[in-house]
């Protein structure tokens, strides 16, 4: 694959990045450069074993020199920020985004004046339900699902595994989508309509203080403005490829709150 196009995937061992790497490998068309904090990690090596066309590279996306080396010769870049584990999240995310955008614009300016960008906007992960751990039960067997959002608010959800196929379809013909926002959303649900039998109660705080502000702030925003805003077509990603609904994801994974 000497002439294959090189696609660089930021955060390759993360939820979105690994889904993108797996989907691109399936095409057999690309060379893939996966960026991660530690290319010797088990997750990185597992990805590398998927194909001889994958190269895993250690990169700190808060350092311009690292990013410049990692982005060199790329035909396309899947860029994602990851500030979640840092207490100074907003400033860190801005720093990561500015550095990546600056490096890309420098490389791209050498070829043409117009930087080609497509904005991939995943909904909330369906996997977050499963990753919350085993749900507590009452003595009568009732499962407790605690959420800091009104049960009638519309929630937009995506199966993480579907993010990869969306990116793959975008890269198959990117020019027709340049400048567009692609909503990666497989379903829109409300808690009240999704549960067949429900009883809603106000519960005391369950999260550690470090997570409360972020989660509650995000849910308050969704309640007031909607996840994608009021006017955006959250289904446009479904026109590129089939995405799992929440019911399909539940059946695929067999998750029952255990």
Protein backbone atom coordinates (compact mmCIF):
# COMPACT_ATOMS: atom_id res chain seq x y z
CA UNK A 1 0.00 0.00 0.00
CA UNK A 2 2.74 2.42 -0.98
CA UNK A 3 0.31 4.94 -2.46
CA UNK A 4 -2.45 4.54 0.13
CA UNK A 5 -3.74 7.71 1.74
CA UNK A 6 -2.61 8.29 5.32
CA UNK A 7 -5.31 9.03 7.88
CA UNK A 8 -4.24 10.16 11.34
CA UNK A 9 -6.60 9.36 14.21
CA UNK A 10 -6.23 11.41 17.39
CA UNK A 11 -7.12 9.55 20.58
CA UNK A 12 -6.92 6.23 18.77
CA UNK A 13 -7.30 4.13 21.93
CA UNK A 14 -10.32 6.12 23.14
CA UNK A 15 -13.98 5.36 22.54
CA UNK A 16 -14.38 7.40 19.34
CA UNK A 17 -10.87 6.95 18.00
CA UNK A 18 -10.80 3.17 18.30
CA UNK A 19 -14.17 2.93 16.54
CA UNK A 20 -12.76 5.03 13.68
CA UNK A 21 -9.60 2.93 13.44
CA UNK A 22 -11.57 -0.33 13.27
CA UNK A 23 -13.90 1.01 10.58
CA UNK A 24 -11.05 2.30 8.43
CA UNK A 25 -9.16 -0.98 8.72
CA UNK A 26 -12.16 -2.80 7.27
CA UNK A 27 -11.85 -0.86 4.01
CA UNK A 28 -8.27 -2.00 3.37
CA UNK A 29 -7.73 1.31 1.57
CA UNK A 30 -5.80 3.43 4.03
CA UNK A 31 -2.67 3.70 6.06
CA UNK A 32 -3.63 4.62 9.60
CA UNK A 33 -1.57 6.52 12.13
CA UNK A 34 -3.10 6.21 15.58
CA UNK A 35 -2.12 8.79 18.17
CA UNK A 36 -2.19 7.94 21.85
CA UNK A 37 -0.55 9.00 25.10
CA UNK A 38 1.34 5.70 25.27
CA UNK A 39 1.88 3.67 22.10
CA UNK A 40 3.22 0.75 24.16
CA UNK A 41 -0.03 0.33 26.11
CA UNK A 42 -2.10 -2.82 25.78
CA UNK A 43 -4.92 -0.94 24.03
CA UNK A 44 -2.50 0.56 21.51
CA UNK A 45 -0.86 -2.76 20.76
CA UNK A 46 -4.25 -4.46 20.36
CA UNK A 47 -5.16 -1.92 17.68
CA UNK A 48 -1.80 -2.28 15.97
CA UNK A 49 -2.35 -6.02 15.62
CA UNK A 50 -5.51 -5.39 13.57
CA UNK A 51 -3.49 -4.59 10.44
CA UNK A 52 0.01 -4.08 9.10
CA UNK A 53 -1.25 -0.72 7.85
CA UNK A 54 -1.62 0.68 11.39
CA UNK A 55 1.16 2.63 13.06
CA UNK A 56 0.63 3.64 16.69
CA UNK A 57 2.45 6.83 17.73
CA UNK A 58 2.91 8.41 21.15
CA UNK A 59 1.70 12.01 21.02
CA UNK A 60 0.83 14.69 23.58
CA UNK A 61 -1.73 16.91 21.85
CA UNK A 62 -0.94 19.77 24.23
CA UNK A 63 2.54 20.02 22.68
CA UNK A 64 2.86 21.67 19.26
CA UNK A 65 6.03 19.82 18.30
CA UNK A 66 4.42 16.45 19.01
CA UNK A 67 1.34 17.32 16.98
CA UNK A 68 3.34 18.70 14.06
CA UNK A 69 5.35 15.48 13.77
CA UNK A 70 2.26 13.32 14.17
CA UNK A 71 0.22 15.17 11.52
CA UNK A 72 2.95 15.22 8.87
CA UNK A 73 1.96 13.77 5.46
CA UNK A 74 -1.64 13.10 6.54
CA UNK A 75 -4.36 13.13 3.88
CA UNK A 76 -7.06 13.42 6.54
CA UNK A 77 -7.12 13.80 10.32
CA UNK A 78 -9.78 12.68 12.76
CA UNK A 79 -9.24 15.14 15.60
CA UNK A 80 -10.90 14.89 19.00
CA UNK A 81 -10.13 16.63 22.28
CA UNK A 82 -9.95 14.83 25.62
CA UNK A 83 -10.07 17.17 28.63
CA UNK A 84 -12.40 15.05 30.79
CA UNK A 85 -9.87 13.88 33.38
CA UNK A 86 -8.36 17.34 33.93
CA UNK A 87 -9.85 19.73 36.52
CA UNK A 88 -9.11 22.67 34.20
CA UNK A 89 -11.18 21.13 31.42
CA UNK A 90 -12.28 24.20 29.47
CA UNK A 91 -8.83 25.71 29.11
CA UNK A 92 -7.26 22.34 28.29
CA UNK A 93 -9.81 21.61 25.58
CA UNK A 94 -9.26 25.03 24.04
CA UNK A 95 -5.51 24.48 24.11
CA UNK A 96 -5.78 21.08 22.43
CA UNK A 97 -8.15 22.39 19.78
CA UNK A 98 -6.10 25.50 19.00
CA UNK A 99 -2.87 23.52 18.64
CA UNK A 100 -4.37 20.93 16.29
CA UNK A 101 -6.16 23.53 14.17
CA UNK A 102 -3.00 25.64 13.93
CA UNK A 103 -0.82 22.73 12.83
CA UNK A 104 -3.36 21.52 10.26
CA UNK A 105 -3.76 25.02 8.81
CA UNK A 106 0.01 25.36 8.45
CA UNK A 107 0.31 22.13 6.50
CA UNK A 108 -2.81 22.81 4.46
CA UNK A 109 -1.83 26.37 3.55
CA UNK A 110 1.10 25.01 1.58
CA UNK A 111 -1.34 23.29 -0.78
CA UNK A 112 -4.36 25.61 -0.91
CA UNK A 113 -5.86 28.51 0.99
CA UNK A 114 -9.11 26.84 2.05
CA UNK A 115 -8.90 24.47 5.01
CA UNK A 116 -11.38 21.63 4.49
CA UNK A 117 -13.19 20.67 7.67
CA UNK A 118 -16.17 18.46 8.44
CA UNK A 119 -17.65 18.50 11.94
CA UNK A 120 -18.63 15.11 13.37
CA UNK A 121 -20.98 15.58 16.32
CA UNK A 122 -21.73 12.35 18.22
CA UNK A 123 -24.74 12.20 20.52
CA UNK A 124 -24.49 10.86 24.08
CA UNK A 125 -23.07 7.36 24.12
CA UNK A 126 -25.50 4.49 24.62
CA UNK A 127 -22.57 2.73 26.29
CA UNK A 128 -22.74 5.27 29.13
CA UNK A 129 -25.72 3.34 30.47
CA UNK A 130 -23.70 0.14 30.65
CA UNK A 131 -20.52 1.85 31.83
CA UNK A 132 -22.34 3.29 34.84
CA UNK A 133 -21.95 -0.16 36.34
CA UNK A 134 -24.45 -2.54 37.86
CA UNK A 135 -27.64 -0.67 38.70
CA UNK A 136 -28.84 -1.01 42.29
CA UNK A 137 -32.04 -2.91 43.04
CA UNK A 138 -34.68 -2.68 45.73
CA UNK A 139 -35.75 -5.73 47.69
CA UNK A 140 -38.68 -6.24 45.32
CA UNK A 141 -36.31 -6.45 42.32
CA UNK A 142 -36.99 -2.95 41.02
CA UNK A 143 -33.95 -1.56 39.17
CA UNK A 144 -32.94 1.99 40.14
CA UNK A 145 -31.86 4.23 37.26
CA UNK A 146 -30.73 7.58 38.64
CA UNK A 147 -30.54 10.55 36.26
CA UNK A 148 -30.21 14.28 36.88
CA UNK A 149 -32.45 15.21 33.97
CA UNK A 150 -36.18 15.54 33.56
CA UNK A 151 -37.76 12.26 32.45
CA UNK A 152 -39.64 14.01 29.61
CA UNK A 153 -36.60 15.67 28.02
CA UNK A 154 -35.52 14.27 24.65
CA UNK A 155 -32.17 12.47 24.83
CA UNK A 156 -30.07 11.92 21.70
CA UNK A 157 -28.06 8.71 21.76
CA UNK A 158 -25.47 6.93 19.62
CA UNK A 159 -23.82 3.53 19.70
CA UNK A 160 -20.10 4.35 19.88
CA UNK A 161 -19.39 1.60 17.36
CA UNK A 162 -21.39 3.57 14.77
CA UNK A 163 -19.04 6.57 14.89
CA UNK A 164 -16.42 4.69 12.89
CA UNK A 165 -18.68 3.82 9.94
CA UNK A 166 -19.87 7.44 9.78
CA UNK A 167 -16.29 8.71 9.50
CA UNK A 168 -15.52 6.00 6.95
CA UNK A 169 -18.45 7.15 4.77
CA UNK A 170 -17.41 10.79 5.10
CA UNK A 171 -13.87 10.01 3.94
CA UNK A 172 -15.16 8.04 0.96
CA UNK A 173 -16.34 11.32 -0.61
CA UNK A 174 -15.42 14.21 1.70
CA UNK A 175 -15.70 17.08 -0.78
CA UNK A 176 -19.50 16.92 -0.81
CA UNK A 177 -19.62 17.37 2.98
CA UNK A 178 -16.97 20.04 3.57
CA UNK A 179 -18.12 22.64 6.07
CA UNK A 180 -21.10 20.60 7.23
CA UNK A 181 -22.07 19.44 10.73
CA UNK A 182 -22.77 15.69 10.74
CA UNK A 183 -24.89 14.62 13.70
CA UNK A 184 -24.05 11.04 14.65
CA UNK A 185 -27.26 10.05 16.39
CA UNK A 186 -29.07 6.75 16.18
CA UNK A 187 -32.06 7.52 18.37
CA UNK A 188 -34.04 10.13 20.25
CA UNK A 189 -35.72 8.92 23.44
CA UNK A 190 -37.20 10.15 26.68
CA UNK A 191 -36.85 8.24 29.92
CA UNK A 192 -40.59 8.37 30.55
CA UNK A 193 -41.48 6.87 27.15
CA UNK A 194 -38.68 4.32 27.07
CA UNK A 195 -39.44 2.64 30.39
CA UNK A 196 -42.59 0.52 30.38
CA UNK A 197 -43.17 0.79 34.11
CA UNK A 198 -41.78 3.69 36.04
CA UNK A 199 -41.93 5.54 39.29
CA UNK A 200 -40.07 8.83 39.49
CA UNK A 201 -38.71 10.01 42.80
CA UNK A 202 -36.37 12.76 43.88
CA UNK A 203 -33.20 11.15 45.21
CA UNK A 204 -30.27 12.45 47.19
CA UNK A 205 -26.89 13.12 45.62
CA UNK A 206 -25.03 10.03 44.40
CA UNK A 207 -22.08 11.45 42.45
CA UNK A 208 -18.79 12.72 43.87
CA UNK A 209 -18.47 16.50 43.85
CA UNK A 210 -15.87 16.40 41.05
CA UNK A 211 -18.45 15.00 38.60
CA UNK A 212 -21.60 16.77 39.78
CA UNK A 213 -20.95 20.18 38.22
CA UNK A 214 -20.16 18.77 34.77
CA UNK A 215 -23.00 16.26 34.63
CA UNK A 216 -25.63 18.56 36.12
CA UNK A 217 -24.51 21.48 33.99
CA UNK A 218 -24.68 19.38 30.82
CA UNK A 219 -28.16 18.08 31.68
CA UNK A 220 -29.40 21.59 32.50
CA UNK A 221 -28.15 22.76 29.10
CA UNK A 222 -29.94 19.88 27.34
CA UNK A 223 -33.17 20.61 29.20
CA UNK A 224 -33.08 24.26 28.15
CA UNK A 225 -31.59 24.17 24.65
CA UNK A 226 -31.56 20.54 23.49
CA UNK A 227 -28.46 18.45 22.82
CA UNK A 228 -28.14 19.65 19.21
CA UNK A 229 -30.06 22.88 19.65
CA UNK A 230 -33.62 23.45 18.56
CA UNK A 231 -33.26 23.67 14.78
CA UNK A 232 -30.48 21.26 13.77
CA UNK A 233 -31.34 18.10 11.81
CA UNK A 234 -30.05 15.42 14.20
CA UNK A 235 -30.88 12.68 11.66
CA UNK A 236 -28.50 13.79 8.89
CA UNK A 237 -25.85 11.23 9.85
CA UNK A 238 -28.38 8.47 9.27
CA UNK A 239 -28.39 9.40 5.59
CA UNK A 240 -24.76 8.28 5.33
CA UNK A 241 -25.09 4.87 6.97
CA UNK A 242 -27.45 2.88 9.16
CA UNK A 243 -27.15 3.64 12.88
CA UNK A 244 -28.38 1.53 15.77
CA UNK A 245 -31.45 2.62 17.69
CA UNK A 246 -31.41 2.33 21.48
CA UNK A 247 -33.54 -0.81 21.29
CA UNK A 248 -31.18 -2.37 18.74
CA UNK A 249 -28.20 -1.54 20.95
CA UNK A 250 -29.90 -3.15 23.96
CA UNK A 251 -30.59 -6.30 21.97
CA UNK A 252 -27.05 -6.33 20.56
CA UNK A 253 -25.38 -6.01 23.94
CA UNK A 254 -27.95 -7.83 26.06
CA UNK A 255 -27.60 -5.13 28.71
CA UNK A 256 -30.24 -5.32 31.43
CA UNK A 257 -28.76 -3.06 34.06
CA UNK A 258 -26.60 -5.83 35.49
